[in-house]
Protein backbone atom coordinates (compact mmCIF):
# COMPACT_ATOMS: atom_id res chain seq x y z
CA MET A 1 0.00 0.00 0.00
CA THR A 2 1.37 3.43 -0.95
CA GLU A 3 2.13 6.18 1.54
CA ASP A 4 -0.58 8.36 -0.01
CA ALA A 5 -3.12 5.58 0.46
CA LEU A 6 -2.05 5.08 4.06
CA ASN A 7 -2.38 8.78 4.79
CA HIS A 8 -5.82 8.81 3.14
CA ILE A 9 -6.97 5.96 5.39
CA ALA A 10 -5.52 7.73 8.43
CA ALA A 11 -7.38 10.91 7.50
CA LEU A 12 -10.66 9.00 7.17
CA ASN A 13 -10.06 7.33 10.51
CA ARG A 14 -9.44 10.68 12.14
CA ILE A 15 -12.60 12.18 10.66
CA THR A 16 -14.55 9.25 12.11
CA ALA A 17 -12.89 9.75 15.50
CA LEU A 18 -13.60 13.50 15.50
CA ASN A 19 -17.23 12.93 14.53
CA HIS A 20 -17.53 10.47 17.43
CA ILE A 21 -16.12 13.08 19.81
CA ALA A 22 -18.56 15.69 18.47
CA ALA A 23 -21.48 13.32 19.05
CA LEU A 24 -20.38 12.69 22.66
CA VAL A 25 -20.13 16.42 23.36
CA ARG A 26 -23.56 17.07 21.82
CA ASP A 27 -25.11 14.37 24.01
CA ARG A 28 -23.97 16.03 27.25
CA PRO A 29 -26.47 18.26 29.10
CA GLY A 30 -26.11 22.02 29.10
CA GLN A 31 -24.25 24.35 26.78
CA ALA A 32 -20.73 23.60 25.62
CA GLN A 33 -17.94 24.70 23.33
CA LEU A 34 -15.00 22.60 22.16
CA TYR A 35 -12.20 24.02 20.06
CA VAL A 36 -9.16 21.96 19.11
CA LEU A 37 -6.14 23.10 17.14
CA HIS A 38 -3.62 20.72 15.56
CA HIS A 39 -0.39 22.41 14.52
CA GLY A 40 -2.29 25.70 14.68
CA ALA A 41 -5.19 24.65 12.44
CA PRO A 42 -8.70 23.98 13.81
CA ILE A 43 -9.87 20.38 13.61
CA LEU A 44 -12.86 20.68 15.98
CA ASP A 45 -15.03 23.75 16.43
CA LEU A 46 -18.20 22.89 18.33
CA SER A 47 -20.83 25.18 19.81
CA VAL A 48 -23.57 23.13 21.46
CA ARG A 49 -26.81 24.94 22.32
CA CYS A 50 -24.92 28.24 22.18
CA ARG A 51 -23.09 30.56 19.81
CA PRO A 52 -19.33 30.49 19.22
CA ASP A 53 -19.10 33.88 20.97
CA THR A 54 -21.22 32.90 24.00
CA PRO A 55 -19.17 33.80 27.11
CA PHE A 56 -18.57 30.93 29.53
CA LEU A 57 -17.44 31.12 33.13
CA LEU A 58 -13.95 29.57 33.12
CA TRP A 59 -13.63 28.74 36.83
CA SER A 60 -9.96 27.89 37.51
CA THR A 61 -9.22 27.46 33.81
CA GLY A 62 -8.90 31.25 33.89
CA LYS A 63 -6.10 31.24 36.49
CA PRO A 64 -3.26 31.24 33.90
CA PHE A 65 -4.26 34.68 32.60
CA THR A 66 -3.38 36.40 35.87
CA ALA A 67 -0.34 34.16 36.29
CA MET A 68 0.98 35.29 32.91
CA ALA A 69 0.39 38.93 33.87
CA VAL A 70 2.82 38.40 36.75
CA HIS A 71 5.31 36.70 34.45
CA LEU A 72 5.01 39.64 32.05
CA LEU A 73 5.87 42.08 34.82
CA ALA A 74 8.91 39.96 35.68
CA GLU A 75 9.93 39.95 32.01
CA ARG A 76 9.74 43.75 31.98
CA GLY A 77 11.80 44.07 35.16
CA ARG A 78 8.91 45.41 37.21
CA LEU A 79 9.12 42.67 39.86
CA ASP A 80 11.35 39.79 40.93
CA LEU A 81 9.66 36.41 41.17
CA ASP A 82 11.97 35.49 44.06
CA ALA A 83 11.70 38.68 46.12
CA PRO A 84 9.11 38.92 48.92
CA ILE A 85 5.61 39.95 47.90
CA ALA A 86 5.80 42.36 50.84
CA GLU A 87 8.26 44.52 48.90
CA HIS A 88 5.30 45.72 46.85
CA TRP A 89 2.50 44.92 49.31
CA PRO A 90 3.76 45.47 52.87
CA GLU A 91 0.51 44.37 54.52
CA TYR A 92 0.99 40.87 53.10
CA GLY A 93 4.32 40.34 54.84
CA ARG A 94 3.07 39.10 58.22
CA ALA A 95 1.71 36.03 60.02
CA GLY A 96 4.46 33.77 58.68
CA LYS A 97 4.25 35.06 55.10
CA GLU A 98 7.15 37.50 55.35
CA SER A 99 9.28 35.43 52.95
CA ALA A 100 6.47 34.47 50.54
CA THR A 101 7.34 35.39 46.96
CA PRO A 102 5.43 35.65 43.66
CA ARG A 103 6.98 32.30 42.70
CA HIS A 104 5.46 30.76 45.82
CA ALA A 105 2.04 32.19 44.91
CA LEU A 106 2.35 30.95 41.31
CA THR A 107 3.03 27.42 42.60
CA HIS A 108 0.48 27.43 45.45
CA ALA A 109 3.26 27.40 48.04
CA THR A 110 2.80 30.57 50.15
CA GLY A 111 1.87 28.40 53.13
CA ALA A 112 -1.52 30.13 53.41
CA PRO A 113 -3.82 28.55 50.81
CA LEU A 114 -7.00 29.92 52.40
CA SER A 115 -7.67 33.55 53.26
CA THR A 116 -10.25 32.59 55.89
CA ARG A 117 -10.71 29.46 57.97
CA HIS A 118 -12.47 27.56 55.16
CA VAL A 119 -12.98 27.87 51.42
CA VAL A 120 -16.62 28.66 52.19
CA GLY A 121 -15.46 31.80 53.97
CA ASP A 122 -13.34 32.74 50.97
CA ALA A 123 -16.33 32.19 48.68
CA LEU A 124 -18.63 34.38 50.77
CA ILE A 125 -16.39 37.43 50.30
CA MET A 126 -14.94 36.73 46.85
CA HIS A 127 -17.15 39.31 45.09
CA ASP A 128 -15.56 42.06 47.24
CA TRP A 129 -11.98 42.73 46.10
CA ASP A 130 -10.96 44.82 49.09
CA ARG A 131 -12.27 42.34 51.68
CA SER A 132 -10.67 39.42 49.85
CA VAL A 133 -7.32 41.19 49.61
CA ARG A 134 -7.38 42.17 53.29
CA ALA A 135 -8.21 38.59 54.22
CA ALA A 136 -5.34 37.24 52.11
CA ALA A 137 -2.93 39.67 53.75
CA ALA A 138 -4.11 38.73 57.24
CA ALA A 139 -4.05 34.96 56.68
CA THR A 140 -1.64 32.95 58.81
CA ALA A 141 0.76 30.60 57.04
CA LYS A 142 0.26 26.98 58.10
CA ARG A 143 3.71 26.02 56.83
CA GLU A 144 6.87 27.81 55.76
CA PRO A 145 6.51 29.40 52.30
CA GLY A 146 8.06 27.38 49.51
CA GLN A 147 8.14 24.03 51.32
CA SER A 148 5.20 22.34 49.59
CA SER A 149 2.08 23.14 47.60
CA ALA A 150 -1.50 23.41 48.84
CA TYR A 151 -4.06 24.55 46.29
CA HIS A 152 -5.01 28.22 46.64
CA ILE A 153 -8.55 27.84 45.28
CA LEU A 154 -9.52 31.51 45.36
CA SER A 155 -6.69 33.22 47.20
CA GLN A 156 -4.06 32.77 44.47
CA GLY A 157 -5.97 35.10 42.18
CA PHE A 158 -6.26 37.85 44.77
CA ILE A 159 -2.61 37.53 45.85
CA LEU A 160 -1.29 37.72 42.29
CA GLY A 161 -3.94 40.21 41.20
CA GLU A 162 -3.25 42.63 44.04
CA LEU A 163 0.46 42.28 43.34
CA VAL A 164 -0.13 43.32 39.71
CA GLN A 165 -2.18 46.30 40.89
CA ARG A 166 0.42 47.38 43.46
CA VAL A 167 3.22 47.22 40.89
CA THR A 168 1.37 48.90 38.00
CA GLY A 169 -1.19 51.14 39.72
CA THR A 170 -3.70 49.72 37.23
CA PRO A 171 -6.79 47.57 37.97
CA LEU A 172 -6.05 43.96 37.10
CA ALA A 173 -8.91 43.72 34.58
CA GLU A 174 -7.55 46.74 32.72
CA TYR A 175 -3.97 45.46 32.78
CA LEU A 176 -5.05 42.08 31.43
CA SER A 177 -7.11 43.73 28.71
CA THR A 178 -4.48 46.16 27.47
CA GLN A 179 -1.31 44.13 27.94
CA ILE A 180 -2.39 40.55 27.14
CA LEU A 181 -5.92 40.11 25.82
CA ALA A 182 -6.03 42.85 23.19
CA PRO A 183 -2.50 42.25 21.83
CA ALA A 184 -3.24 38.50 21.62
CA GLY A 185 -6.51 39.07 19.78
CA LEU A 186 -8.65 37.64 22.58
CA HIS A 187 -11.63 39.89 21.98
CA ASP A 188 -14.22 37.73 23.78
CA THR A 189 -12.25 37.34 27.02
CA SER A 190 -12.60 39.46 30.16
CA LEU A 191 -12.03 39.33 33.91
CA GLY A 192 -15.60 39.42 35.17
CA LEU A 193 -18.51 39.14 32.76
CA PRO A 194 -19.26 42.57 31.24
CA PRO A 195 -22.74 43.57 32.51
CA GLY A 196 -23.85 44.17 28.93
CA ARG A 197 -23.15 40.50 28.13
CA TRP A 198 -25.26 39.11 30.98
CA GLU A 199 -28.11 37.93 28.78
CA ALA A 200 -25.67 36.32 26.34
CA ARG A 201 -23.86 34.25 28.99
CA ALA A 202 -23.82 30.49 29.25
CA GLU A 203 -26.16 29.72 32.14
CA LEU A 204 -24.93 27.28 34.76
CA LYS A 205 -26.86 24.01 34.85
CA PRO A 206 -26.34 22.04 38.07
CA ALA A 207 -26.77 18.29 37.80
CA ARG A 208 -29.50 16.75 39.89
CA ALA A 209 -27.89 14.86 42.76
CA PRO A 210 -29.62 13.47 45.86
CA ARG A 211 -26.84 14.43 48.30
CA THR A 212 -25.01 17.46 46.99
CA PRO A 213 -22.34 18.59 49.50
CA PHE A 214 -22.85 22.04 51.00
CA PRO A 215 -19.76 23.60 49.32
CA ASP A 216 -21.10 22.48 45.93
CA ARG A 217 -24.54 23.90 46.68
CA LEU A 218 -22.90 27.16 47.74
CA LYS A 219 -20.89 27.21 44.52
CA VAL A 220 -24.06 26.89 42.47
CA ALA A 221 -25.86 29.60 44.43
CA ARG A 222 -22.97 32.07 44.44
CA PHE A 223 -21.92 31.79 40.82
CA ALA A 224 -25.49 32.11 39.61
CA GLN A 225 -25.54 35.66 40.99
CA LYS A 226 -24.89 38.58 38.67
CA SER A 227 -22.90 40.36 41.39
CA VAL A 228 -20.46 37.43 41.47
CA ARG A 229 -20.09 36.65 37.77
CA THR A 230 -19.51 40.32 36.91
CA ALA A 231 -16.99 40.79 39.74
CA PRO A 232 -13.22 40.60 39.13
CA ILE A 233 -12.38 37.29 40.83
CA PRO A 234 -9.10 36.33 39.14
CA ALA A 235 -9.18 32.65 40.12
CA ALA A 236 -12.75 32.11 38.99
CA THR A 237 -14.60 34.72 36.91
CA VAL A 238 -12.57 35.08 33.77
CA HIS A 239 -15.16 34.70 31.00
CA SER A 240 -14.24 33.57 27.53
CA THR A 241 -14.98 31.33 24.58
CA ALA A 242 -13.31 28.08 23.60
CA ARG A 243 -11.87 29.80 20.53
CA ASP A 244 -10.24 32.53 22.64
CA VAL A 245 -8.92 30.10 25.24
CA ALA A 246 -7.43 27.91 22.52
CA ARG A 247 -5.83 30.96 20.89
CA PHE A 248 -4.25 31.87 24.24
CA PHE A 249 -2.75 28.39 24.62
CA GLN A 250 -1.62 28.36 20.99
CA LEU A 251 0.21 31.61 21.66
CA LEU A 252 1.95 29.97 24.64
CA LEU A 253 2.69 26.80 22.68
CA ASP A 254 4.31 28.96 19.99
CA GLY A 255 6.58 30.68 22.50
CA GLY A 256 4.58 33.84 23.22
CA SER A 257 3.77 35.16 19.72
CA ILE A 258 0.79 34.80 17.42
CA ASP A 259 -0.02 36.27 14.01
CA GLY A 260 3.17 38.28 14.08
CA VAL A 261 2.46 39.85 17.48
CA THR A 262 4.75 39.07 20.41
CA VAL A 263 2.98 39.15 23.78
CA PHE A 264 5.56 37.27 25.87
CA ALA A 265 9.22 36.57 25.29
CA PRO A 266 9.97 32.87 24.66
CA GLU A 267 12.01 32.64 27.86
CA THR A 268 9.03 34.00 29.82
CA VAL A 269 6.82 31.19 28.54
CA ARG A 270 9.52 28.62 29.28
CA SER A 271 9.79 29.97 32.82
CA ALA A 272 6.03 29.71 33.32
CA ARG A 273 6.02 26.11 32.05
CA ASN A 274 8.94 24.95 34.21
CA PRO A 275 7.89 22.35 36.80
CA ALA A 276 7.76 23.57 40.38
CA ARG A 277 10.24 22.02 42.81
CA PHE A 278 9.72 21.85 46.56
CA PRO A 279 12.33 20.86 49.16
CA THR A 280 10.06 18.36 50.87
CA THR A 281 8.36 16.81 47.85
CA GLY A 282 10.63 17.23 44.83
CA GLY A 283 8.31 17.46 41.84
CA GLY A 284 5.22 17.92 43.95
CA THR A 285 3.89 14.35 43.94
CA HIS A 286 2.47 14.62 47.44
CA ARG A 287 -1.24 14.58 48.16
CA ASP A 288 -2.51 18.15 48.08
CA PRO A 289 -4.17 18.80 51.46
CA ILE A 290 -6.83 21.08 49.94
CA ILE A 291 -8.04 19.09 46.93
CA GLY A 292 -7.09 15.61 48.13
CA HIS A 293 -4.88 14.40 45.29
CA ALA A 294 -1.46 15.06 43.80
CA VAL A 295 -0.93 17.79 41.20
CA ARG A 296 2.17 18.54 39.11
CA TRP A 297 2.56 22.29 39.14
CA ALA A 298 4.35 24.62 36.82
CA HIS A 299 4.39 28.37 37.55
CA GLY A 300 0.73 29.14 36.96
CA PHE A 301 -0.21 25.91 35.18
CA GLN A 302 -0.93 22.28 35.91
CA LEU A 303 1.19 19.67 34.12
CA GLY A 304 0.67 16.21 32.66
CA TRP A 305 2.07 13.16 34.43
CA GLY A 306 3.62 11.26 31.53
CA ASP A 307 4.61 7.72 32.51
CA GLN A 308 4.93 8.44 36.22
CA PRO A 309 3.23 5.58 38.12
CA ILE A 310 0.84 7.57 40.26
CA GLN A 311 -2.89 7.28 40.87
CA THR A 312 -4.33 10.79 40.76
CA ALA A 313 -6.67 13.06 38.82
CA LYS A 314 -5.57 13.45 35.20
CA PRO A 315 -7.91 15.94 33.49
CA PHE A 316 -5.50 16.31 30.54
CA GLY A 317 -5.87 12.59 29.89
CA THR A 318 -4.05 9.46 30.98
CA THR A 319 -1.96 9.81 27.81
CA ALA A 320 -0.77 13.35 28.59
CA GLY A 321 3.02 13.65 28.59
CA GLU A 322 5.01 15.56 31.18
CA GLU A 323 5.30 18.58 28.86
CA VAL A 324 1.51 19.06 28.61
CA PHE A 325 0.46 22.24 30.40
CA GLY A 326 -2.94 23.78 31.09
CA HIS A 327 -5.54 24.17 33.82
CA ASN A 328 -8.67 22.33 34.84
CA GLY A 329 -11.66 24.42 35.92
CA SER A 330 -13.74 22.65 38.61
CA ASN A 331 -13.97 19.73 36.15
CA TYR A 332 -16.49 21.78 34.12
CA CYS A 333 -13.95 23.55 31.91
CA ASN A 334 -10.54 22.37 30.79
CA ALA A 335 -7.75 23.68 28.57
CA TRP A 336 -4.30 22.38 27.73
CA ALA A 337 -1.52 22.44 25.17
CA ASP A 338 0.42 19.34 24.16
CA PRO A 339 3.81 20.14 22.59
CA ASP A 340 4.51 16.53 21.59
CA HIS A 341 1.33 16.29 19.51
CA GLY A 342 1.07 19.91 18.41
CA LEU A 343 -2.34 20.01 20.07
CA VAL A 344 -4.32 22.75 21.79
CA PHE A 345 -7.58 21.80 23.51
CA ALA A 346 -10.26 24.07 25.03
CA TYR A 347 -13.50 22.67 26.40
CA LEU A 348 -16.05 24.86 28.19
CA SER A 349 -19.31 23.62 29.67
CA SER A 350 -22.20 25.00 31.71
CA HIS A 351 -23.10 21.52 33.00
CA MET A 352 -22.11 21.21 36.66
CA ALA A 353 -21.84 17.45 37.07
CA PRO A 354 -20.67 15.89 40.36
CA ARG A 355 -16.90 15.87 40.80
CA GLY A 356 -16.23 12.18 40.08
CA PRO A 357 -18.20 11.84 36.83
CA ALA A 358 -17.13 15.32 35.70
CA LEU A 359 -13.44 14.49 36.13
CA ALA A 360 -13.87 11.14 34.38
CA TRP A 361 -15.46 12.95 31.42
CA GLN A 362 -12.62 15.48 31.18
CA THR A 363 -10.07 12.67 31.22
CA GLU A 364 -11.94 10.66 28.60
CA LEU A 365 -12.48 13.63 26.29
CA SER A 366 -8.82 14.63 26.48
CA ASP A 367 -7.68 11.10 25.71
CA LEU A 368 -10.10 10.80 22.79
CA VAL A 369 -8.89 14.03 21.21
CA ARG A 370 -5.24 13.06 21.60
CA ALA A 371 -5.93 9.60 20.16
CA ALA A 372 -7.68 11.12 17.16
CA VAL A 373 -4.52 12.88 16.03
CA SER A 374 -1.98 10.24 17.07
CA GLU A 375 0.00 8.35 14.47
CA ALA A 376 -1.81 5.80 12.34
CA VAL A 377 -0.27 2.34 12.02
CA SER A 378 0.18 0.92 8.53
CA GLU A 379 -0.25 -2.71 7.66
CA ALA A 380 3.54 -3.04 7.88
CA GLY A 381 3.49 -1.67 11.42
CA VAL A 382 5.17 1.62 10.50
CA LEU A 383 3.89 4.66 12.40
CA ARG A 384 2.78 7.46 10.09
CA ALA A 385 1.28 10.85 10.98
CA ALA A 386 -2.43 11.13 10.34
CA GLY A 387 -3.34 13.47 7.49
CA PRO A 388 -5.47 16.63 7.74
CA ALA A 389 -9.14 16.35 8.57
CA GLU A 390 -12.02 18.71 8.04
CA PRO A 391 -13.09 20.59 11.19
CA GLY A 392 -16.10 19.10 12.93
CA SER A 393 -19.07 21.37 13.70
CA ALA A 394 -22.19 21.37 15.80
CA SER A 395 -24.85 23.87 16.69
């Protein structure tokens, strides 16, 4: 069989695989968008029960935007990732956090993952920037900064966001818009849903569950409120589309530039993608005390596990290599870039399924997409790259 024939078969197989993925996404409840780029070209562009420009709440999938704002300031010499946060924000340098640095905040290692006694307390004040910032500054470190990671569910955004504001004198939303979003061509992305886009938003659809835990019920109630979704909550209320999120990750995958515009220097992106290292846990394979499972952290991103023999959550797929970087968003949204496969994946959903099934779906969907573009095996057993496929679509 000729190479052209093999590539033709591979292309047909990939089209079948992509159509299967599209059908699975359509069958899920709620609204959804899925946008996948392969070597910079779209191969899946789905908008299910919504428009391509419908703004979705990103949850923690939006965390990397603020993280990259901090990296940009470091690139420009405005701050030192390894100098105390208190150099720019004196009120933060107390209660055991005197030595906490931006790098510690980027890797969830300040020692004070919660601003109040419980994440519920953080959630009750998250719509109020000033109260949230004061609480983060007053929080007592439970361990020495830099020793190990503990997920900063909401506090990371306020720590990094206030740092950006102290250094620049500019509101975080404005800094993101002018220095990252606009230059990158991310015209449907904002920190906080613009009030004028309220009616156009993707509406959250909680799954029906007989015993929903109180924190989950609080999450549903709080994020359904206009005052919360329109508020600048850096770790939670970035709103965007799958196309914009994918474009952001393509920019990062390409070293910080897109369409001839440079937003970040290549070394800045490499620094952000570098795995975090902790004295007590090496690569961070310990069980995170906040979320209950191990996470591989970069500096603002989560990383794939590769072949490491560990049982933990893997929202980027069980087949994700160690170079894969991205961020899960409460298991409702998910985005990642895979350098080995030339893949960028952005999935946004309004369906708030329980944690276990939602995580299993993210893992399955990521694995299916990666498998669809993996090498096709010829009859002779030779691995050959799959050929181009037409983008899938759904409405």
